Amino acid sequence: MEIDQLLLSLVKRSRLNGIAVPLTLYTPFGKISGHTTGGKDFYHLGAQQLSELFGLGQNFEFAGNLRGEDDYVHLANAKCWTTDVAEHTVLRIRLSDVIAWTVGLPE
């Protein structure tokens, strides 16, 4: 699917300016909501969770780069509605999977 250029611009601007924008995204898999955050936050929180899971303390770090970050939106305090509701500290969604979106969170 083609990436919505307005959504891509909003995600880039929020990342560059460090602004957490509340978004609701609609995908073929269901509805997803949360506040935008940067890829570095996504990897940092993921590394923290893996460190706790494997008992590594704060020693686990992401050993890569953020190439292709423009292809994704990262949402903090994310909720996903499919057949059930799932909550995530941070979630990475491929922008090409978004079929509709709005600024704001569902009530």
C-alpha atoms as a PDB file:
ATOM      1  CA  MET A   1       0.000   0.000   0.000  1.00  0.00           C
ATOM      2  CA  GLU A   2       1.168   3.534  -0.684  1.00  0.00           C
ATOM      3  CA  ILE A   3       2.130   5.668   2.313  1.00  0.00           C
ATOM      4  CA  ASP A   4      -0.149   8.643   2.992  1.00  0.00           C
ATOM      5  CA  GLN A   5       2.155  11.643   2.474  1.00  0.00           C
ATOM      6  CA  LEU A   6       0.321  13.856   4.965  1.00  0.00           C
ATOM      7  CA  LEU A   7       0.687  11.193   7.666  1.00  0.00           C
ATOM      8  CA  LEU A   8       4.358  10.729   6.761  1.00  0.00           C
ATOM      9  CA  SER A   9       4.941  14.485   7.038  1.00  0.00           C
ATOM     10  CA  LEU A  10       3.182  14.620  10.418  1.00  0.00           C
ATOM     11  CA  VAL A  11       5.221  11.696  11.762  1.00  0.00           C
ATOM     12  CA  LYS A  12       8.503  13.224  10.530  1.00  0.00           C
ATOM     13  CA  ARG A  13       7.705  16.637  12.034  1.00  0.00           C
ATOM     14  CA  SER A  14       6.675  15.152  15.369  1.00  0.00           C
ATOM     15  CA  ARG A  15       9.905  13.127  15.462  1.00  0.00           C
ATOM     16  CA  LEU A  16      12.128  16.085  14.531  1.00  0.00           C
ATOM     17  CA  ASN A  17      10.466  18.444  17.010  1.00  0.00           C
ATOM     18  CA  GLY A  18      10.062  15.921  19.816  1.00  0.00           C
ATOM     19  CA  ILE A  19       6.295  16.417  19.947  1.00  0.00           C
ATOM     20  CA  ALA A  20       4.077  13.509  21.002  1.00  0.00           C
ATOM     21  CA  VAL A  21       1.072  13.667  18.682  1.00  0.00           C
ATOM     22  CA  PRO A  22      -1.974  11.573  19.641  1.00  0.00           C
ATOM     23  CA  LEU A  23      -2.935   9.391  16.663  1.00  0.00           C
ATOM     24  CA  THR A  24      -5.503   6.762  15.830  1.00  0.00           C
ATOM     25  CA  LEU A  25      -4.531   4.515  12.934  1.00  0.00           C
ATOM     26  CA  TYR A  26      -6.746   2.098  11.043  1.00  0.00           C
ATOM     27  CA  THR A  27      -5.071  -0.943   9.498  1.00  0.00           C
ATOM     28  CA  PRO A  28      -6.333  -4.191   7.957  1.00  0.00           C
ATOM     29  CA  PHE A  29      -5.528  -5.765  11.358  1.00  0.00           C
ATOM     30  CA  GLY A  30      -7.593  -3.337  13.443  1.00  0.00           C
ATOM     31  CA  LYS A  31      -7.475   0.068  15.113  1.00  0.00           C
ATOM     32  CA  ILE A  32      -4.297   1.314  16.855  1.00  0.00           C
ATOM     33  CA  SER A  33      -3.898   4.449  18.973  1.00  0.00           C
ATOM     34  CA  GLY A  34      -1.095   6.107  20.906  1.00  0.00           C
ATOM     35  CA  HIS A  35       1.269   9.080  20.987  1.00  0.00           C
ATOM     36  CA  THR A  36       4.042   9.429  18.431  1.00  0.00           C
ATOM     37  CA  THR A  37       7.570   8.882  19.657  1.00  0.00           C
ATOM     38  CA  GLY A  38      10.917   8.542  17.898  1.00  0.00           C
ATOM     39  CA  GLY A  39      12.605   5.341  16.818  1.00  0.00           C
ATOM     40  CA  LYS A  40      15.341   5.893  19.403  1.00  0.00           C
ATOM     41  CA  ASP A  41      12.707   5.772  22.151  1.00  0.00           C
ATOM     42  CA  PHE A  42      11.285   2.597  20.623  1.00  0.00           C
ATOM     43  CA  TYR A  43      14.693   0.898  20.620  1.00  0.00           C
ATOM     44  CA  HIS A  44      15.581   2.229  24.082  1.00  0.00           C
ATOM     45  CA  LEU A  45      12.356   0.913  25.639  1.00  0.00           C
ATOM     46  CA  GLY A  46      12.734  -2.374  23.769  1.00  0.00           C
ATOM     47  CA  ALA A  47      16.294  -2.745  25.061  1.00  0.00           C
ATOM     48  CA  GLN A  48      15.087  -2.050  28.615  1.00  0.00           C
ATOM     49  CA  GLN A  49      12.401  -4.720  28.324  1.00  0.00           C
ATOM     50  CA  LEU A  50      14.869  -7.261  26.900  1.00  0.00           C
ATOM     51  CA  SER A  51      17.389  -6.429  29.633  1.00  0.00           C
ATOM     52  CA  GLU A  52      14.751  -7.107  32.285  1.00  0.00           C
ATOM     53  CA  LEU A  53      13.565 -10.267  30.513  1.00  0.00           C
ATOM     54  CA  PHE A  54      17.056 -11.757  30.255  1.00  0.00           C
ATOM     55  CA  GLY A  55      18.336 -10.341  33.558  1.00  0.00           C
ATOM     56  CA  LEU A  56      20.975  -8.228  31.864  1.00  0.00           C
ATOM     57  CA  GLY A  57      20.449  -5.091  33.905  1.00  0.00           C
ATOM     58  CA  GLN A  58      21.036  -2.094  31.636  1.00  0.00           C
ATOM     59  CA  ASN A  59      23.653  -3.884  29.496  1.00  0.00           C
ATOM     60  CA  PHE A  60      21.455  -4.722  26.501  1.00  0.00           C
ATOM     61  CA  GLU A  61      21.653  -2.126  23.744  1.00  0.00           C
ATOM     62  CA  PHE A  62      20.333  -1.963  20.213  1.00  0.00           C
ATOM     63  CA  ALA A  63      23.268  -2.660  17.915  1.00  0.00           C
ATOM     64  CA  GLY A  64      22.013  -1.216  14.657  1.00  0.00           C
ATOM     65  CA  ASN A  65      21.048   1.972  12.940  1.00  0.00           C
ATOM     66  CA  LEU A  66      17.726   3.657  12.309  1.00  0.00           C
ATOM     67  CA  ARG A  67      17.741   3.349   8.510  1.00  0.00           C
ATOM     68  CA  GLY A  68      14.249   3.137   7.113  1.00  0.00           C
ATOM     69  CA  GLU A  69      12.759   4.873  10.152  1.00  0.00           C
ATOM     70  CA  ASP A  70      10.615   6.990   7.815  1.00  0.00           C
ATOM     71  CA  ASP A  71       8.767   3.813   6.832  1.00  0.00           C
ATOM     72  CA  TYR A  72       7.410   3.425  10.385  1.00  0.00           C
ATOM     73  CA  VAL A  73       5.521   5.271  13.063  1.00  0.00           C
ATOM     74  CA  HIS A  74       6.357   4.518  16.690  1.00  0.00           C
ATOM     75  CA  LEU A  75       3.574   4.926  19.232  1.00  0.00           C
ATOM     76  CA  ALA A  76       4.003   5.138  22.998  1.00  0.00           C
ATOM     77  CA  ASN A  77       1.242   3.923  25.328  1.00  0.00           C
ATOM     78  CA  ALA A  78      -0.332   2.160  22.367  1.00  0.00           C
ATOM     79  CA  LYS A  79      -3.644   0.316  22.324  1.00  0.00           C
ATOM     80  CA  CYS A  80      -4.657  -2.149  19.626  1.00  0.00           C
ATOM     81  CA  TRP A  81      -8.215  -3.211  18.971  1.00  0.00           C
ATOM     82  CA  THR A  82      -8.598  -6.434  16.991  1.00  0.00           C
ATOM     83  CA  THR A  83     -10.688  -9.255  18.442  1.00  0.00           C
ATOM     84  CA  ASP A  84      -9.459  -8.096  21.858  1.00  0.00           C
ATOM     85  CA  VAL A  85      -7.721  -5.004  23.237  1.00  0.00           C
ATOM     86  CA  ALA A  86      -3.945  -5.168  23.712  1.00  0.00           C
ATOM     87  CA  GLU A  87      -1.811  -2.481  25.350  1.00  0.00           C
ATOM     88  CA  HIS A  88       1.867  -1.859  24.615  1.00  0.00           C
ATOM     89  CA  THR A  89       4.425   0.483  26.158  1.00  0.00           C
ATOM     90  CA  VAL A  90       5.683   1.222  22.662  1.00  0.00           C
ATOM     91  CA  LEU A  91       4.675  -0.147  19.274  1.00  0.00           C
ATOM     92  CA  ARG A  92       6.187   0.082  15.774  1.00  0.00           C
ATOM     93  CA  ILE A  93       3.756   0.194  12.839  1.00  0.00           C
ATOM     94  CA  ARG A  94       4.685   0.145   9.169  1.00  0.00           C
ATOM     95  CA  LEU A  95       3.172   3.272   7.573  1.00  0.00           C
ATOM     96  CA  SER A  96       2.290   1.380   4.399  1.00  0.00           C
ATOM     97  CA  ASP A  97      -0.144  -0.723   6.492  1.00  0.00           C
ATOM     98  CA  VAL A  98      -2.177   2.338   7.527  1.00  0.00           C
ATOM     99  CA  ILE A  99      -5.366   2.680   5.462  1.00  0.00           C
ATOM    100  CA  ALA A 100      -6.944   5.566   7.418  1.00  0.00           C
ATOM    101  CA  TRP A 101      -5.930   7.795  10.335  1.00  0.00           C
ATOM    102  CA  THR A 102      -6.925  10.744  12.465  1.00  0.00           C
ATOM    103  CA  VAL A 103      -5.278  13.023  14.985  1.00  0.00           C
ATOM    104  CA  GLY A 104      -6.579  12.233  18.457  1.00  0.00           C
ATOM    105  CA  LEU A 105      -7.328   9.185  20.551  1.00  0.00           C
ATOM    106  CA  PRO A 106     -10.606   7.244  20.555  1.00  0.00           C
ATOM    107  CA  GLU A 107     -12.928   7.864  23.475  1.00  0.00           C
END
